[in-house]
């Protein structure tokens, strides 16, 4: 099935929907577990003041914390996943709010732990670790805690800050409600007379696949006001998020909000600044690609953003979801039989929520639920892009499975800095497979375009977004106003920096700041798409070159990376796997890759015109 031709979730076959019984049979079972961890949290609070008495007390606290958090994964996921399938369900929303309130309480109730550990001399604590076998799995956690010493406050101040965990999520939640649950999607009539509701998914589908320019234009003109009409409200929301980030950074004596975000994973500031600088200074390939598109589409001097995504060739092939599963599964053969078996399991059995429905969250994600399995959200529409999205999210899911299987609980969760390596690695595997299978020059052009668009979307665009976030937060840090006009001005200048003055015809202000959920939900997240892409590209080339030479060490190092969870700082994990992100060369390698692919695309287009 390509799509069920309905937005009514009740009419979509169960095989294409999540099976929530994998987590709990019912809400009663969920409530029972919820009550258990509330009781355990009380026991954890009773340990206050005991950690410094010896290794046994410290270990007991860590073990109890793990027990709570293992169950908390399930308690959180059960309503969160159901909310994603229908953001209008107030009963589920109420339960999600219960969990959110508990998370805030949990933060407050455990605020004393780090300050109390800080009271133990580091040398003495490390002696406890060496002498107590069961405590050794927590060594890295303790090292991270001591590294944070300069930014950990006294117990009373930590407790005070913890009270703001829930209130400070209000802005993010408000953005989600405004742009999903409360949106009144317009209906438009296409050139062929068909009437469609312009949901997030349908809008993307039209821009990606429609050869009717009048339809793309109509979709863009009707979708733009969904955000433009509430831009002042969205600006107020975003300013609140920046205010929060800056306030928390100052409260912990960080130099800036960016320093604060990078600190927890020990990411050197140079990784961020060099990425933004290097990419921003090397956009010729990006501009050449769009100039090539404009020329090929006969749209020079009239090339709009809604023209930038449609396929250059008449290749509107749709992929049945079963066909998509077959392709992504075949693409990972290179990674070995164990990986493939896990992959096959993840593709079936209610692990993927496939199609769009009313009220469903837009986009796609993979959420790991410890002790159960990852859950993949899709809004599958049968396009080539969505086949690659499936490969992307499955990469995350297998990373989660391998980390959970090979690391103790406290080290199983990998950082977001490393997260996008596995996903983009799998996209590249799929691209190579589909290019190899294709005998149609037009399909090869479409696939090459897919690869270029992947580089642009994952590497260039995310770096531009990272630049935007940095500039926006600096406005607050410098006590400058942050309004809808200010944010739009930043976007407009970045647009010119990346695309130049002559690539796009703009008849409306560029307000990309209004429609990027990550800005509101996970500030300073998006740069990691770009750094991960660079690391992934480097590791991929090493694995392929190694296989050609009969050297499987690069593959082994890559799989070990997927198994390593969070057992080291991410920059060090990647370096161990073979990708050193402290070197500018890693960033430039991706830029050269784009240049080569754009040149190849130009050759094929001219040859097949």
Protein backbone atom coordinates (compact mmCIF):
# COMPACT_ATOMS: atom_id res chain seq x y z
CA UNK A 1 0.00 0.00 0.00
CA UNK A 2 1.27 3.48 -0.90
CA UNK A 3 -1.30 5.30 1.22
CA UNK A 4 -4.67 4.37 2.75
CA UNK A 5 -6.50 7.31 1.11
CA UNK A 6 -7.91 8.35 4.45
CA UNK A 7 -6.91 10.56 7.34
CA UNK A 8 -9.21 8.68 9.72
CA UNK A 9 -6.89 6.65 11.95
CA UNK A 10 -9.63 4.15 12.77
CA UNK A 11 -9.84 3.19 9.10
CA UNK A 12 -6.11 2.46 8.75
CA UNK A 13 -5.21 -1.23 9.07
CA UNK A 14 -3.59 -2.23 12.37
CA UNK A 15 -0.52 -3.62 10.61
CA UNK A 16 0.45 -0.04 9.74
CA UNK A 17 0.04 1.28 13.28
CA UNK A 18 2.00 1.01 16.51
CA UNK A 19 1.11 -1.76 18.91
CA UNK A 20 1.08 -0.05 22.29
CA UNK A 21 0.58 -3.35 24.12
CA UNK A 22 4.31 -3.90 23.63
CA UNK A 23 4.72 -1.33 26.41
CA UNK A 24 1.60 -1.87 28.55
CA UNK A 25 -1.59 -3.89 28.12
CA UNK A 26 -3.70 -0.99 29.34
CA UNK A 27 -3.71 2.26 31.29
CA UNK A 28 -4.11 0.37 34.57
CA UNK A 29 -0.77 -1.36 34.03
CA UNK A 30 0.76 2.00 33.13
CA UNK A 31 -0.63 3.55 36.32
CA UNK A 32 0.71 0.68 38.42
CA UNK A 33 4.25 1.20 37.15
CA UNK A 34 3.87 4.95 37.53
CA UNK A 35 2.96 4.51 41.21
CA UNK A 36 5.91 2.16 41.76
CA UNK A 37 8.48 4.65 40.56
CA UNK A 38 6.86 7.37 42.65
CA UNK A 39 7.40 5.14 45.71
CA UNK A 40 10.98 4.41 44.69
CA UNK A 41 11.65 8.10 44.28
CA UNK A 42 10.69 8.59 47.94
CA UNK A 43 13.23 5.93 48.89
CA UNK A 44 15.87 7.68 46.83
CA UNK A 45 15.17 10.94 48.64
CA UNK A 46 15.71 9.15 51.95
CA UNK A 47 19.29 8.47 50.89
CA UNK A 48 20.11 12.15 51.02
CA UNK A 49 23.22 12.76 53.10
CA UNK A 50 24.40 9.14 52.83
CA UNK A 51 26.34 9.14 49.54
CA UNK A 52 29.55 10.41 51.09
CA UNK A 53 29.54 7.71 53.76
CA UNK A 54 31.06 5.13 51.43
CA UNK A 55 31.03 3.16 48.20
CA UNK A 56 28.11 0.97 49.28
CA UNK A 57 25.77 3.92 49.80
CA UNK A 58 26.82 5.56 46.54
CA UNK A 59 26.23 2.33 44.64
CA UNK A 60 22.82 1.82 46.23
CA UNK A 61 21.73 5.28 45.10
CA UNK A 62 22.92 4.68 41.53
CA UNK A 63 21.17 1.30 41.33
CA UNK A 64 17.90 2.75 42.62
CA UNK A 65 18.16 5.64 40.18
CA UNK A 66 18.61 3.15 37.33
CA UNK A 67 15.58 1.16 38.47
CA UNK A 68 13.44 4.30 38.40
CA UNK A 69 14.69 5.51 35.04
CA UNK A 70 14.29 2.11 33.34
CA UNK A 71 10.59 2.12 34.14
CA UNK A 72 10.31 5.84 33.44
CA UNK A 73 11.17 5.16 29.79
CA UNK A 74 7.98 3.13 29.50
CA UNK A 75 5.85 5.40 31.65
CA UNK A 76 6.82 8.35 29.48
CA UNK A 77 6.60 6.60 26.10
CA UNK A 78 3.13 5.09 26.58
CA UNK A 79 1.27 8.43 26.55
CA UNK A 80 3.89 10.30 24.48
CA UNK A 81 3.64 7.91 21.54
CA UNK A 82 -0.14 7.91 21.68
CA UNK A 83 -0.15 11.69 21.78
CA UNK A 84 1.96 11.69 18.59
CA UNK A 85 -0.73 9.71 16.80
CA UNK A 86 -3.43 12.22 17.78
CA UNK A 87 -2.50 15.50 19.42
CA UNK A 88 -6.20 16.30 19.85
CA UNK A 89 -6.84 13.52 22.39
CA UNK A 90 -7.25 15.42 25.66
CA UNK A 91 -7.31 12.26 27.78
CA UNK A 92 -3.89 11.25 26.53
CA UNK A 93 -2.71 14.85 26.80
CA UNK A 94 -3.75 14.88 30.45
CA UNK A 95 -1.72 11.74 31.13
CA UNK A 96 1.23 13.23 29.30
CA UNK A 97 0.97 16.24 31.57
CA UNK A 98 1.01 13.90 34.58
CA UNK A 99 4.30 12.47 33.37
CA UNK A 100 5.69 15.94 32.66
CA UNK A 101 4.84 17.01 36.19
CA UNK A 102 6.51 13.91 37.58
CA UNK A 103 9.63 14.59 35.52
CA UNK A 104 9.77 18.03 37.10
CA UNK A 105 9.30 16.46 40.55
CA UNK A 106 11.96 13.89 39.73
CA UNK A 107 14.37 16.66 38.80
CA UNK A 108 13.65 18.47 42.06
CA UNK A 109 13.83 15.32 44.19
CA UNK A 110 17.24 14.35 42.77
CA UNK A 111 18.76 17.85 42.67
CA UNK A 112 20.85 17.04 45.75
CA UNK A 113 22.74 14.12 44.18
CA UNK A 114 25.36 15.94 42.12
CA UNK A 115 26.17 18.52 44.82
CA UNK A 116 26.53 15.72 47.36
CA UNK A 117 28.87 13.79 45.08
CA UNK A 118 30.88 16.97 44.75
CA UNK A 119 31.46 16.88 48.50
CA UNK A 120 33.35 13.62 48.09
CA UNK A 121 36.96 14.33 47.12
CA UNK A 122 37.41 13.11 43.54
CA UNK A 123 40.49 11.06 44.38
CA UNK A 124 38.66 9.29 47.20
CA UNK A 125 35.63 8.60 44.99
CA UNK A 126 37.81 7.09 42.27
CA UNK A 127 39.40 4.82 44.90
CA UNK A 128 35.91 3.56 45.80
CA UNK A 129 35.31 2.81 42.12
CA UNK A 130 38.52 0.82 41.79
CA UNK A 131 37.79 -1.16 44.95
CA UNK A 132 34.11 -1.87 44.22
CA UNK A 133 33.49 -3.93 41.06
CA UNK A 134 29.77 -3.11 40.80
CA UNK A 135 30.55 0.61 40.95
CA UNK A 136 32.95 0.53 38.01
CA UNK A 137 30.23 0.83 35.37
CA UNK A 138 29.46 4.27 36.85
CA UNK A 139 33.04 5.54 36.54
CA UNK A 140 32.40 7.58 33.39
CA UNK A 141 29.24 9.08 34.90
CA UNK A 142 31.24 10.17 37.94
CA UNK A 143 34.01 11.62 35.79
CA UNK A 144 31.42 13.66 33.91
CA UNK A 145 29.98 14.90 37.18
CA UNK A 146 33.34 16.07 38.49
CA UNK A 147 34.05 17.77 35.16
CA UNK A 148 30.85 19.78 35.66
CA UNK A 149 31.91 20.91 39.12
CA UNK A 150 32.36 24.54 38.13
CA UNK A 151 28.74 24.66 36.95
CA UNK A 152 27.02 22.64 39.67
CA UNK A 153 25.40 24.86 42.26
CA UNK A 154 24.77 24.35 45.93
CA UNK A 155 21.98 21.99 46.90
CA UNK A 156 19.46 24.72 47.66
CA UNK A 157 20.15 26.49 44.37
CA UNK A 158 19.95 23.24 42.39
CA UNK A 159 16.62 22.56 44.03
CA UNK A 160 15.40 26.04 43.22
CA UNK A 161 16.33 25.66 39.53
CA UNK A 162 14.63 22.29 39.38
CA UNK A 163 11.26 23.91 40.12
CA UNK A 164 11.44 25.64 36.74
CA UNK A 165 11.80 22.45 34.68
CA UNK A 166 8.08 22.17 33.95
CA UNK A 167 7.19 25.86 33.51
CA UNK A 168 10.04 26.41 31.08
CA UNK A 169 8.62 23.77 28.72
CA UNK A 170 5.44 25.81 28.27
CA UNK A 171 6.78 27.74 25.27
CA UNK A 172 7.78 24.57 23.44
CA UNK A 173 4.45 22.91 24.18
CA UNK A 174 2.55 25.99 23.05
CA UNK A 175 4.39 25.97 19.73
CA UNK A 176 3.51 22.30 19.23
CA UNK A 177 -0.17 22.91 19.92
CA UNK A 178 -0.32 25.99 17.70
CA UNK A 179 1.30 24.24 14.74
CA UNK A 180 -0.34 20.80 15.00
CA UNK A 181 -3.44 20.36 17.13
CA UNK A 182 -4.95 23.81 16.61
CA UNK A 183 -4.08 24.30 12.94
CA UNK A 184 -6.96 24.69 10.51
CA UNK A 185 -5.43 23.34 7.34
CA UNK A 186 -6.80 24.99 4.20
CA UNK A 187 -8.29 23.05 1.33
CA UNK A 188 -7.05 23.82 -2.17
CA UNK A 189 -8.19 22.73 -5.59
CA UNK A 190 -5.47 21.38 -7.86
CA UNK A 191 -5.26 21.97 -11.58
CA UNK A 192 -6.89 18.60 -12.27
CA UNK A 193 -9.89 19.54 -10.14
CA UNK A 194 -8.92 17.40 -7.15
CA UNK A 195 -9.45 19.04 -3.77
CA UNK A 196 -6.89 18.28 -1.06
CA UNK A 197 -6.44 19.37 2.54
CA UNK A 198 -3.08 21.10 2.81
CA UNK A 199 -1.66 19.25 5.81
CA UNK A 200 2.06 19.28 6.58
CA UNK A 201 2.41 15.98 4.75
CA UNK A 202 0.33 16.96 1.72
CA UNK A 203 2.17 20.26 1.37
CA UNK A 204 5.49 18.42 1.32
CA UNK A 205 4.12 15.89 -1.14
CA UNK A 206 2.97 18.56 -3.60
CA UNK A 207 6.26 20.45 -3.49
CA UNK A 208 8.29 17.26 -3.87
CA UNK A 209 6.32 15.57 -6.63
CA UNK A 210 3.93 17.86 -8.49
CA UNK A 211 5.01 18.80 -12.00
CA UNK A 212 2.23 21.37 -12.14
CA UNK A 213 3.89 24.60 -11.16
CA UNK A 214 0.54 26.27 -10.60
CA UNK A 215 -0.23 23.63 -7.94
CA UNK A 216 3.11 24.12 -6.21
CA UNK A 217 2.61 27.86 -6.21
CA UNK A 218 -0.93 27.56 -4.86
CA UNK A 219 0.24 25.19 -2.12
CA UNK A 220 3.04 27.56 -1.11
CA UNK A 221 0.79 30.61 -1.13
CA UNK A 222 -1.82 28.88 1.03
CA UNK A 223 0.63 27.23 3.42
CA UNK A 224 2.74 30.34 4.10
CA UNK A 225 -0.03 32.19 6.01
CA UNK A 226 -0.36 29.32 8.50
CA UNK A 227 2.85 30.66 10.02
CA UNK A 228 3.01 34.24 8.73
CA UNK A 229 -0.36 35.12 10.23
CA UNK A 230 0.84 34.18 13.72
CA UNK A 231 4.46 35.27 13.37
CA UNK A 232 4.30 37.76 16.24
CA UNK A 233 2.95 35.09 18.58
CA UNK A 234 5.62 32.65 17.39
CA UNK A 235 8.29 35.32 17.89
CA UNK A 236 7.15 35.82 21.47
CA UNK A 237 7.29 32.07 22.01
CA UNK A 238 10.77 31.79 20.51
CA UNK A 239 12.05 34.75 22.49
CA UNK A 240 10.83 32.98 25.63
CA UNK A 241 12.85 29.91 24.67
CA UNK A 242 15.99 31.98 24.06
CA UNK A 243 15.40 33.84 27.35
CA UNK A 244 15.20 30.50 29.14
CA UNK A 245 18.41 29.21 27.55
CA UNK A 246 20.32 32.37 28.40
CA UNK A 247 18.96 32.48 31.97
CA UNK A 248 19.94 28.89 32.72
CA UNK A 249 23.40 29.44 31.19
CA UNK A 250 23.98 32.50 33.36
CA UNK A 251 22.68 30.75 36.47
CA UNK A 252 25.39 28.11 36.06
CA UNK A 253 28.11 30.61 35.19
CA UNK A 254 28.56 29.64 31.55
CA UNK A 255 30.04 32.16 29.16
CA UNK A 256 27.02 31.83 26.85
CA UNK A 257 24.00 29.67 26.11
CA UNK A 258 25.97 27.93 23.37
CA UNK A 259 28.76 27.08 25.81
CA UNK A 260 26.14 25.63 28.15
CA UNK A 261 24.62 23.44 25.45
CA UNK A 262 28.00 22.11 24.32
CA UNK A 263 29.34 21.54 27.81
CA UNK A 264 27.41 18.44 28.85
CA UNK A 265 28.93 16.35 26.06
CA UNK A 266 32.30 18.09 26.24
CA UNK A 267 32.01 19.38 22.67
CA UNK A 268 34.75 21.92 21.89
CA UNK A 269 33.31 25.29 20.88
CA UNK A 270 35.53 25.13 17.81
CA UNK A 271 33.47 22.24 16.43
CA UNK A 272 30.45 24.57 16.23
CA UNK A 273 32.20 27.74 15.13
CA UNK A 274 34.37 26.01 12.52
CA UNK A 275 31.31 24.27 11.08
CA UNK A 276 29.38 27.54 10.71
CA UNK A 277 32.41 29.40 9.33
CA UNK A 278 33.60 26.71 6.92
CA UNK A 279 30.20 25.93 5.44
CA UNK A 280 29.19 29.58 5.24
CA UNK A 281 32.33 30.35 3.22
CA UNK A 282 31.83 27.44 0.79
CA UNK A 283 28.38 27.72 -0.74
CA UNK A 284 29.30 27.82 -4.44
CA UNK A 285 28.22 24.22 -4.99
CA UNK A 286 24.90 24.94 -3.31
CA UNK A 287 24.29 27.95 -5.51
CA UNK A 288 25.44 26.13 -8.66
CA UNK A 289 22.96 23.34 -8.00
CA UNK A 290 20.00 25.70 -7.80
CA UNK A 291 21.21 27.70 -10.80
CA UNK A 292 21.41 24.41 -12.70
CA UNK A 293 17.86 23.57 -11.64
CA UNK A 294 16.59 26.98 -12.68
CA UNK A 295 18.23 26.63 -16.08
CA UNK A 296 16.96 23.09 -16.66
CA UNK A 297 13.42 24.02 -15.62
CA UNK A 298 13.51 27.14 -17.81
CA UNK A 299 12.90 29.28 -14.76
CA UNK A 300 15.94 31.54 -14.79
CA UNK A 301 15.05 34.87 -13.13
CA UNK A 302 11.76 33.30 -11.94
CA UNK A 303 12.97 30.46 -9.72
CA UNK A 304 11.07 30.27 -6.41
CA UNK A 305 11.51 28.18 -3.28
CA UNK A 306 8.50 26.07 -4.31
CA UNK A 307 10.46 25.09 -7.45
CA UNK A 308 13.49 23.90 -5.50
CA UNK A 309 12.31 20.44 -4.47
CA UNK A 310 10.46 18.90 -7.39
CA UNK A 311 12.26 16.20 -9.39
CA UNK A 312 14.12 17.41 -12.45
CA UNK A 313 13.09 14.37 -14.45
CA UNK A 314 9.64 12.86 -15.00
CA UNK A 315 10.21 10.26 -12.32
CA UNK A 316 7.15 10.40 -10.12
CA UNK A 317 7.50 6.77 -9.12
CA UNK A 318 5.64 5.82 -5.98
CA UNK A 319 6.90 3.05 -3.73
CA UNK A 320 4.50 0.69 -2.02
CA UNK A 321 5.44 0.49 1.65
CA UNK A 322 6.29 -3.21 1.34
CA UNK A 323 8.58 -2.35 -1.58
CA UNK A 324 10.21 0.36 0.53
CA UNK A 325 10.81 -2.14 3.34
CA UNK A 326 12.42 -4.54 0.89
CA UNK A 327 14.76 -1.89 -0.43
CA UNK A 328 15.94 -0.62 2.93
CA UNK A 329 16.44 -4.16 4.18
CA UNK A 330 18.53 -5.16 1.16
CA UNK A 331 20.63 -2.02 1.49
CA UNK A 332 22.08 -3.02 4.88
CA UNK A 333 23.45 -6.43 3.83
CA UNK A 334 26.92 -4.93 4.04
CA UNK A 335 26.56 -4.54 7.82
CA UNK A 336 26.40 -8.27 8.53
CA UNK A 337 23.89 -10.99 9.42
CA UNK A 338 23.34 -9.94 13.04
CA UNK A 339 22.50 -6.39 11.99
CA UNK A 340 20.21 -7.67 9.23
CA UNK A 341 18.25 -9.96 11.57
CA UNK A 342 17.61 -7.11 13.98
CA UNK A 343 16.62 -4.92 11.06
CA UNK A 344 14.06 -7.42 9.81
CA UNK A 345 12.48 -7.61 13.26
CA UNK A 346 12.26 -3.83 13.52
CA UNK A 347 10.46 -3.55 10.16
CA UNK A 348 7.55 -5.67 11.34
CA UNK A 349 5.51 -6.37 14.45
CA UNK A 350 3.94 -2.99 15.16
CA UNK A 351 7.19 -1.07 15.55
CA UNK A 352 6.35 1.49 12.82
CA UNK A 353 3.38 3.87 12.66
CA UNK A 354 3.30 4.33 8.91
CA UNK A 355 0.70 6.72 7.52
CA UNK A 356 -0.50 10.24 8.17
CA UNK A 357 -3.80 10.78 9.99
CA UNK A 358 -5.73 13.71 11.44
CA UNK A 359 -4.02 15.12 14.52
CA UNK A 360 -0.84 13.11 14.04
CA UNK A 361 2.51 14.81 14.60
CA UNK A 362 4.24 15.73 11.37
CA UNK A 363 7.62 14.45 10.23
CA UNK A 364 9.31 11.29 11.42
CA UNK A 365 11.28 10.05 14.40
CA UNK A 366 12.55 6.97 16.21
CA UNK A 367 11.95 6.78 19.96
CA UNK A 368 13.79 4.16 21.95
CA UNK A 369 11.84 2.62 24.83
CA UNK A 370 14.27 0.81 27.12
CA UNK A 371 13.37 -2.82 27.73
CA UNK A 372 10.87 -2.82 24.86
CA UNK A 373 12.12 -1.64 21.45
CA UNK A 374 12.34 1.51 19.32
CA UNK A 375 9.12 2.98 17.88
CA UNK A 376 9.31 4.68 14.48
CA UNK A 377 6.87 7.41 13.49
CA UNK A 378 6.34 8.01 9.78
CA UNK A 379 3.91 9.95 7.62
CA UNK A 380 4.63 7.76 4.62
CA UNK A 381 3.40 8.99 1.23
CA UNK A 382 5.22 6.65 -1.17
CA UNK A 383 7.75 9.15 -2.50
CA UNK A 384 11.41 8.40 -2.99
CA UNK A 385 12.15 10.88 -0.22
CA UNK A 386 10.04 8.91 2.24
CA UNK A 387 11.82 5.66 1.34
CA UNK A 388 15.02 7.41 2.39
CA UNK A 389 13.28 8.69 5.52
CA UNK A 390 12.45 5.09 6.41
CA UNK A 391 16.12 4.14 5.98
CA UNK A 392 17.09 7.13 8.12
CA UNK A 393 14.80 6.29 11.04
CA UNK A 394 15.69 2.60 10.88
CA UNK A 395 19.33 3.62 11.23
CA UNK A 396 18.42 5.33 14.50
CA UNK A 397 16.46 2.29 15.63
CA UNK A 398 19.27 -0.19 15.03
CA UNK A 399 21.71 2.15 16.77
CA UNK A 400 19.38 2.13 19.76
CA UNK A 401 19.06 -1.65 19.75
CA UNK A 402 22.82 -2.24 19.50
CA UNK A 403 23.63 0.27 22.22
CA UNK A 404 21.04 -1.17 24.59
CA UNK A 405 22.29 -4.72 24.04
CA UNK A 406 25.96 -3.90 24.54
CA UNK A 407 26.04 -1.32 27.33
CA UNK A 408 24.82 -1.25 30.93
CA UNK A 409 21.68 0.85 31.40
CA UNK A 410 23.50 3.92 32.67
CA UNK A 411 25.66 4.01 29.52
CA UNK A 412 23.24 2.73 26.87
CA UNK A 413 21.94 6.11 25.69
CA UNK A 414 24.04 7.68 22.96
CA UNK A 415 24.25 11.43 22.62
CA UNK A 416 22.41 13.41 19.98
CA UNK A 417 25.82 14.46 18.68
CA UNK A 418 26.44 10.90 17.49
CA UNK A 419 22.81 10.05 16.74
CA UNK A 420 22.71 11.15 13.10
CA UNK A 421 25.75 9.14 12.05
CA UNK A 422 23.88 5.84 11.83
CA UNK A 423 20.84 7.37 10.14
CA UNK A 424 22.76 9.13 7.37
CA UNK A 425 25.07 6.15 6.94
CA UNK A 426 22.02 4.02 6.14
CA UNK A 427 20.70 6.62 3.71
CA UNK A 428 23.97 6.40 1.80
CA UNK A 429 23.72 2.60 1.72
CA UNK A 430 20.23 2.90 0.23
CA UNK A 431 21.39 5.43 -2.35
CA UNK A 432 24.19 3.15 -3.55
CA UNK A 433 21.82 0.20 -3.80
CA UNK A 434 19.21 2.09 -5.80
CA UNK A 435 21.82 3.60 -8.14
CA UNK A 436 23.25 0.13 -8.71
CA UNK A 437 19.85 -1.37 -9.45
CA UNK A 438 18.79 1.39 -11.81
CA UNK A 439 19.18 1.04 -15.58
CA UNK A 440 17.13 4.13 -16.30
CA UNK A 441 19.14 7.36 -16.81
CA UNK A 442 16.20 9.39 -15.58
CA UNK A 443 15.96 7.38 -12.38
CA UNK A 444 19.70 7.82 -11.87
CA UNK A 445 19.27 11.55 -12.20
CA UNK A 446 16.46 11.42 -9.65
CA UNK A 447 18.62 9.40 -7.27
CA UNK A 448 21.58 11.70 -7.75
CA UNK A 449 19.29 14.59 -7.01
CA UNK A 450 18.15 12.72 -3.90
CA UNK A 451 21.75 12.49 -2.72
CA UNK A 452 22.39 16.17 -3.40
CA UNK A 453 19.19 17.15 -1.63
CA UNK A 454 20.28 15.01 1.30
CA UNK A 455 23.58 16.88 1.51
CA UNK A 456 21.78 20.20 1.24
CA UNK A 457 19.09 19.32 3.78
CA UNK A 458 21.25 17.53 6.33
CA UNK A 459 24.47 19.48 6.00
CA UNK A 460 24.07 22.94 4.48
CA UNK A 461 20.57 23.80 5.67
CA UNK A 462 21.16 22.54 9.21
CA UNK A 463 24.37 24.56 9.41
CA UNK A 464 22.45 27.64 8.28
CA UNK A 465 19.87 26.89 10.98
CA UNK A 466 22.69 26.53 13.51
CA UNK A 467 23.98 29.94 12.47
CA UNK A 468 20.48 31.36 12.95
CA UNK A 469 20.13 29.92 16.46
CA UNK A 470 23.53 31.25 17.45
CA UNK A 471 22.71 34.74 16.20
CA UNK A 472 19.25 34.76 17.82
CA UNK A 473 20.61 33.76 21.22
CA UNK A 474 23.39 36.32 20.94
CA UNK A 475 20.72 39.01 20.54
CA UNK A 476 19.35 38.13 23.98
CA UNK A 477 22.84 37.86 25.48
CA UNK A 478 23.66 41.33 24.16
CA UNK A 479 20.38 42.78 25.49
CA UNK A 480 19.09 43.43 21.97
CA UNK A 481 15.42 43.09 20.97
CA UNK A 482 14.21 39.85 19.44
CA UNK A 483 11.01 40.39 17.48
CA UNK A 484 9.42 38.86 14.41
CA UNK A 485 11.14 41.51 12.28
CA UNK A 486 14.51 40.86 13.92
CA UNK A 487 14.25 37.12 13.40
CA UNK A 488 13.16 37.59 9.80
CA UNK A 489 16.10 39.90 9.18
CA UNK A 490 18.51 37.21 10.41
CA UNK A 491 16.85 34.73 8.04
CA UNK A 492 17.03 37.11 5.09
CA UNK A 493 20.75 37.76 5.60
CA UNK A 494 21.47 34.03 5.92
CA UNK A 495 19.43 33.42 2.78
CA UNK A 496 21.69 35.82 0.88
CA UNK A 497 24.85 34.38 2.47
CA UNK A 498 23.99 30.83 1.40
CA UNK A 499 22.09 31.34 -1.86
CA UNK A 500 23.32 34.71 -3.06
CA UNK A 501 21.14 37.45 -4.48
CA UNK A 502 20.40 35.94 -7.86
CA UNK A 503 19.40 32.31 -7.22
CA UNK A 504 15.86 32.67 -5.86
CA UNK A 505 13.06 35.05 -6.70
CA UNK A 506 11.55 36.06 -3.37
CA UNK A 507 8.14 37.74 -3.27
CA UNK A 508 7.65 37.19 0.46
CA UNK A 509 10.03 37.51 3.42
CA UNK A 510 11.90 34.35 4.37
CA UNK A 511 10.44 33.31 7.73
CA UNK A 512 11.93 29.85 8.10
CA UNK A 513 12.32 30.60 11.82
CA UNK A 514 8.57 30.11 12.28
CA UNK A 515 8.34 26.56 10.99
CA UNK A 516 11.38 24.65 12.28
CA UNK A 517 10.18 22.60 15.30
CA UNK A 518 13.72 21.96 16.54
CA UNK A 519 14.21 25.67 17.26
CA UNK A 520 11.37 25.47 19.74
CA UNK A 521 11.78 21.94 21.09
CA UNK A 522 15.54 21.35 21.09
CA UNK A 523 17.64 24.53 20.84
CA UNK A 524 21.16 24.06 19.49
CA UNK A 525 20.33 20.57 18.28
CA UNK A 526 20.43 21.00 14.51
CA UNK A 527 24.17 21.60 14.10
CA UNK A 528 24.65 17.98 15.06
CA UNK A 529 22.91 16.88 11.87
CA UNK A 530 25.74 18.56 9.96
CA UNK A 531 28.60 17.30 12.13
CA UNK A 532 27.11 13.81 12.16
CA UNK A 533 26.73 13.92 8.39
CA UNK A 534 30.38 14.84 8.02
CA UNK A 535 31.44 12.03 10.35
CA UNK A 536 29.10 9.59 8.63
CA UNK A 537 30.45 10.43 5.19
CA UNK A 538 34.00 9.90 6.40
CA UNK A 539 33.23 6.58 8.07
CA UNK A 540 31.19 5.39 5.10
CA UNK A 541 34.05 5.98 2.71
CA UNK A 542 36.42 4.12 5.02
CA UNK A 543 34.06 1.13 5.28
CA UNK A 544 33.50 0.93 1.51
CA UNK A 545 37.19 1.33 0.71
CA UNK A 546 38.04 -1.27 3.35
CA UNK A 547 35.58 -3.78 1.94
CA UNK A 548 36.99 -3.33 -1.57
CA UNK A 549 40.44 -4.14 -0.20
CA UNK A 550 39.25 -7.01 1.99
CA UNK A 551 39.95 -4.96 5.11
CA UNK A 552 36.96 -5.22 7.47
CA UNK A 553 38.50 -3.30 10.33
CA UNK A 554 36.72 -0.04 9.37
CA UNK A 555 33.37 -1.89 9.44
CA UNK A 556 34.19 -3.40 12.81
CA UNK A 557 35.10 0.04 14.17
CA UNK A 558 31.85 1.47 12.82
CA UNK A 559 29.73 -1.28 14.38
CA UNK A 560 31.61 -0.81 17.65
CA UNK A 561 30.61 2.84 17.51
CA UNK A 562 26.95 1.79 17.24
CA UNK A 563 27.42 -0.52 20.20
CA UNK A 564 29.19 2.04 22.37
CA UNK A 565 26.10 3.93 23.54
CA UNK A 566 27.28 6.76 25.76
CA UNK A 567 30.42 5.18 27.17
CA UNK A 568 32.63 8.12 26.19
CA UNK A 569 32.39 11.72 25.04
CA UNK A 570 30.99 11.77 21.49
CA UNK A 571 33.90 13.56 19.83
CA UNK A 572 36.18 10.86 21.26
CA UNK A 573 33.83 8.06 20.17
CA UNK A 574 33.87 9.33 16.61
CA UNK A 575 37.62 9.81 16.65
CA UNK A 576 38.03 6.21 17.82
CA UNK A 577 35.80 5.04 14.97
CA UNK A 578 37.93 6.98 12.48
CA UNK A 579 36.30 10.43 12.12
CA UNK A 580 38.09 13.38 13.72
CA UNK A 581 35.68 16.31 13.79
CA UNK A 582 38.28 18.66 15.20
CA UNK A 583 39.81 18.76 11.71
CA UNK A 584 38.46 21.19 9.12
CA UNK A 585 39.23 18.64 6.44
CA UNK A 586 36.28 16.51 7.58
CA UNK A 587 33.90 19.41 6.85
CA UNK A 588 35.52 20.25 3.52
CA UNK A 589 35.21 16.62 2.40
CA UNK A 590 31.42 16.92 2.36
CA UNK A 591 31.60 20.20 0.44
CA UNK A 592 33.78 18.54 -2.19
CA UNK A 593 31.34 15.64 -2.34
CA UNK A 594 28.55 18.08 -3.20
CA UNK A 595 30.66 19.79 -5.86
CA UNK A 596 31.40 16.43 -7.52
CA UNK A 597 27.77 15.33 -7.49
CA UNK A 598 26.52 18.63 -8.90
CA UNK A 599 29.04 18.35 -11.74
CA UNK A 600 27.88 14.78 -12.42
CA UNK A 601 24.25 15.85 -12.35
CA UNK A 602 24.98 18.65 -14.81
CA UNK A 603 26.61 16.16 -17.18
CA UNK A 604 23.69 13.72 -17.02
CA UNK A 605 21.10 16.45 -17.47
CA UNK A 606 22.80 17.85 -20.54
CA UNK A 607 23.28 14.35 -21.96
CA UNK A 608 19.64 13.33 -21.48
CA UNK A 609 17.93 16.59 -22.34
